[in-house]
Amino acid sequence: MSNTTVTYVVGAGCAVIGLVAFCTLILVPALTAYRRPFERIAVVVLSVYVLAALVGVGILVGALVILEWPRVF
């Protein structure tokens, strides 16, 4: 297995673990807090919005680290 393949496998594993943690810790408790279908749909939409915001912040921080790494070290 090449180094690139190992990097992709580790990245995919981290993404799966992060998605499972998000669903377990945020989405499931939010869904069980409401009874009506409309409220549950709204919770899913808002939770996905929060997930997208967190992913966006992670991408920005990652890009900042990549761009500033040569100057710092």
N, C-alpha and C. Protein backbone atom coordinates (compact mmCIF):
# COMPACT_ATOMS: atom_id res chain seq x y z
N MET A 1 0.85 -1.17 0.00
CA MET A 1 0.00 0.00 0.00
C MET A 1 0.90 1.24 0.00
N SER A 2 0.56 2.20 -0.84
CA SER A 2 1.38 3.40 -0.94
C SER A 2 1.03 4.40 0.17
N ASN A 3 1.88 5.39 0.33
CA ASN A 3 1.66 6.42 1.35
C ASN A 3 0.39 7.21 1.07
N THR A 4 0.11 7.45 -0.20
CA THR A 4 -1.10 8.18 -0.56
C THR A 4 -2.35 7.39 -0.18
N THR A 5 -2.34 6.11 -0.42
CA THR A 5 -3.48 5.27 -0.06
C THR A 5 -3.69 5.25 1.45
N VAL A 6 -2.62 5.14 2.19
CA VAL A 6 -2.72 5.16 3.65
C VAL A 6 -3.31 6.49 4.12
N THR A 7 -2.89 7.59 3.52
CA THR A 7 -3.41 8.91 3.88
C THR A 7 -4.91 8.99 3.61
N TYR A 8 -5.33 8.50 2.45
CA TYR A 8 -6.76 8.51 2.11
C TYR A 8 -7.58 7.63 3.05
N VAL A 9 -7.06 6.47 3.42
CA VAL A 9 -7.77 5.57 4.32
C VAL A 9 -7.91 6.20 5.71
N VAL A 10 -6.84 6.81 6.19
CA VAL A 10 -6.89 7.47 7.50
C VAL A 10 -7.86 8.65 7.46
N GLY A 11 -7.83 9.43 6.41
CA GLY A 11 -8.75 10.56 6.27
C GLY A 11 -10.21 10.11 6.22
N ALA A 12 -10.48 9.06 5.46
CA ALA A 12 -11.84 8.54 5.38
C ALA A 12 -12.29 7.97 6.73
N GLY A 13 -11.39 7.30 7.43
CA GLY A 13 -11.73 6.78 8.75
C GLY A 13 -12.04 7.89 9.74
N CYS A 14 -11.26 8.95 9.70
CA CYS A 14 -11.52 10.11 10.58
C CYS A 14 -12.85 10.76 10.24
N ALA A 15 -13.17 10.85 8.96
CA ALA A 15 -14.45 11.43 8.55
C ALA A 15 -15.62 10.59 9.04
N VAL A 16 -15.50 9.29 8.94
CA VAL A 16 -16.57 8.39 9.40
C VAL A 16 -16.73 8.49 10.92
N ILE A 17 -15.63 8.50 11.64
CA ILE A 17 -15.69 8.61 13.10
C ILE A 17 -16.31 9.94 13.51
N GLY A 18 -15.94 11.02 12.83
CA GLY A 18 -16.51 12.33 13.13
C GLY A 18 -18.00 12.38 12.84
N LEU A 19 -18.43 11.79 11.73
CA LEU A 19 -19.86 11.77 11.39
C LEU A 19 -20.66 10.93 12.38
N VAL A 20 -20.11 9.80 12.79
CA VAL A 20 -20.79 8.96 13.79
C VAL A 20 -20.89 9.70 15.12
N ALA A 21 -19.82 10.38 15.51
CA ALA A 21 -19.86 11.14 16.76
C ALA A 21 -20.88 12.27 16.68
N PHE A 22 -20.96 12.97 15.56
CA PHE A 22 -21.93 14.04 15.40
C PHE A 22 -23.36 13.49 15.50
N CYS A 23 -23.62 12.40 14.80
CA CYS A 23 -24.96 11.81 14.85
C CYS A 23 -25.31 11.32 16.25
N THR A 24 -24.35 10.71 16.92
CA THR A 24 -24.60 10.17 18.25
C THR A 24 -24.77 11.25 19.30
N LEU A 25 -23.93 12.26 19.26
CA LEU A 25 -23.93 13.26 20.33
C LEU A 25 -24.84 14.45 20.07
N ILE A 26 -25.18 14.74 18.83
CA ILE A 26 -25.99 15.93 18.54
C ILE A 26 -27.32 15.57 17.91
N LEU A 27 -27.30 14.78 16.86
CA LEU A 27 -28.53 14.53 16.10
C LEU A 27 -29.52 13.65 16.84
N VAL A 28 -29.08 12.57 17.43
CA VAL A 28 -30.01 11.66 18.12
C VAL A 28 -30.70 12.32 19.31
N PRO A 29 -29.97 13.01 20.21
CA PRO A 29 -30.69 13.68 21.31
C PRO A 29 -31.65 14.76 20.81
N ALA A 30 -31.28 15.46 19.76
CA ALA A 30 -32.18 16.50 19.23
C ALA A 30 -33.44 15.87 18.64
N LEU A 31 -33.30 14.75 17.97
CA LEU A 31 -34.47 14.09 17.38
C LEU A 31 -35.40 13.52 18.45
N THR A 32 -34.84 13.00 19.51
CA THR A 32 -35.68 12.41 20.55
C THR A 32 -36.35 13.46 21.43
N ALA A 33 -35.94 14.72 21.31
CA ALA A 33 -36.53 15.77 22.13
C ALA A 33 -37.87 16.25 21.58
N TYR A 34 -38.16 15.95 20.31
CA TYR A 34 -39.39 16.43 19.69
C TYR A 34 -40.23 15.25 19.21
N ARG A 35 -41.56 15.48 19.14
CA ARG A 35 -42.49 14.43 18.74
C ARG A 35 -43.06 14.63 17.35
N ARG A 36 -43.37 15.86 16.99
CA ARG A 36 -44.02 16.12 15.71
C ARG A 36 -43.04 15.94 14.56
N PRO A 37 -43.53 15.41 13.43
CA PRO A 37 -42.63 15.22 12.27
C PRO A 37 -42.03 16.52 11.75
N PHE A 38 -42.82 17.60 11.75
CA PHE A 38 -42.30 18.88 11.27
C PHE A 38 -41.16 19.38 12.14
N GLU A 39 -41.27 19.21 13.45
CA GLU A 39 -40.21 19.63 14.36
C GLU A 39 -38.96 18.79 14.15
N ARG A 40 -39.15 17.51 13.92
CA ARG A 40 -38.00 16.63 13.69
C ARG A 40 -37.29 16.98 12.39
N ILE A 41 -38.04 17.33 11.36
CA ILE A 41 -37.42 17.74 10.09
C ILE A 41 -36.63 19.03 10.30
N ALA A 42 -37.22 19.96 11.05
CA ALA A 42 -36.52 21.22 11.33
C ALA A 42 -35.23 20.97 12.12
N VAL A 43 -35.26 20.04 13.06
CA VAL A 43 -34.06 19.71 13.84
C VAL A 43 -32.98 19.13 12.94
N VAL A 44 -33.36 18.26 12.03
CA VAL A 44 -32.37 17.67 11.12
C VAL A 44 -31.76 18.74 10.23
N VAL A 45 -32.60 19.63 9.69
CA VAL A 45 -32.09 20.69 8.82
C VAL A 45 -31.13 21.60 9.59
N LEU A 46 -31.51 22.02 10.78
CA LEU A 46 -30.64 22.89 11.57
C LEU A 46 -29.37 22.18 12.01
N SER A 47 -29.45 20.89 12.31
CA SER A 47 -28.26 20.14 12.70
C SER A 47 -27.30 20.00 11.52
N VAL A 48 -27.83 19.78 10.33
CA VAL A 48 -26.98 19.70 9.14
C VAL A 48 -26.34 21.06 8.87
N TYR A 49 -27.08 22.14 9.12
CA TYR A 49 -26.53 23.48 8.98
C TYR A 49 -25.35 23.68 9.95
N VAL A 50 -25.50 23.25 11.17
CA VAL A 50 -24.42 23.35 12.16
C VAL A 50 -23.23 22.49 11.73
N LEU A 51 -23.51 21.29 11.23
CA LEU A 51 -22.43 20.42 10.75
C LEU A 51 -21.68 21.08 9.61
N ALA A 52 -22.39 21.70 8.68
CA ALA A 52 -21.73 22.39 7.56
C ALA A 52 -20.88 23.55 8.06
N ALA A 53 -21.37 24.26 9.05
CA ALA A 53 -20.58 25.36 9.62
C ALA A 53 -19.31 24.83 10.28
N LEU A 54 -19.42 23.75 11.01
CA LEU A 54 -18.24 23.16 11.66
C LEU A 54 -17.23 22.66 10.63
N VAL A 55 -17.71 22.05 9.57
CA VAL A 55 -16.82 21.58 8.51
C VAL A 55 -16.14 22.76 7.83
N GLY A 56 -16.89 23.83 7.60
CA GLY A 56 -16.32 25.03 7.00
C GLY A 56 -15.22 25.64 7.85
N VAL A 57 -15.46 25.71 9.15
CA VAL A 57 -14.43 26.23 10.06
C VAL A 57 -13.20 25.33 10.05
N GLY A 58 -13.42 24.04 10.01
CA GLY A 58 -12.30 23.10 9.96
C GLY A 58 -11.49 23.25 8.68
N ILE A 59 -12.16 23.47 7.56
CA ILE A 59 -11.45 23.66 6.30
C ILE A 59 -10.65 24.96 6.33
N LEU A 60 -11.25 26.02 6.87
CA LEU A 60 -10.52 27.29 6.96
C LEU A 60 -9.30 27.19 7.86
N VAL A 61 -9.44 26.55 9.00
CA VAL A 61 -8.30 26.39 9.91
C VAL A 61 -7.23 25.52 9.26
N GLY A 62 -7.65 24.46 8.58
CA GLY A 62 -6.68 23.61 7.90
C GLY A 62 -5.93 24.35 6.81
N ALA A 63 -6.65 25.16 6.04
CA ALA A 63 -5.99 25.95 4.99
C ALA A 63 -5.03 26.96 5.60
N LEU A 64 -5.42 27.56 6.71
CA LEU A 64 -4.55 28.52 7.39
C LEU A 64 -3.27 27.85 7.88
N VAL A 65 -3.40 26.65 8.43
CA VAL A 65 -2.22 25.92 8.89
C VAL A 65 -1.31 25.59 7.71
N ILE A 66 -1.90 25.15 6.60
CA ILE A 66 -1.09 24.79 5.43
C ILE A 66 -0.37 26.02 4.88
N LEU A 67 -1.07 27.15 4.82
CA LEU A 67 -0.46 28.35 4.25
C LEU A 67 0.59 28.97 5.17
N GLU A 68 0.39 28.93 6.47
CA GLU A 68 1.30 29.59 7.41
C GLU A 68 2.40 28.67 7.94
N TRP A 69 2.36 27.40 7.64
CA TRP A 69 3.34 26.45 8.17
C TRP A 69 4.77 26.83 7.79
N PRO A 70 5.08 27.16 6.56
CA PRO A 70 6.49 27.47 6.23
C PRO A 70 7.01 28.71 6.96
N ARG A 71 6.15 29.68 7.20
CA ARG A 71 6.60 30.90 7.86
C ARG A 71 6.88 30.65 9.35
N VAL A 72 6.08 29.80 9.99
CA VAL A 72 6.23 29.54 11.42
C VAL A 72 7.40 28.60 11.68
N PHE A 73 7.57 27.59 10.84
CA PHE A 73 8.63 26.61 11.08
C PHE A 73 9.64 26.68 9.98
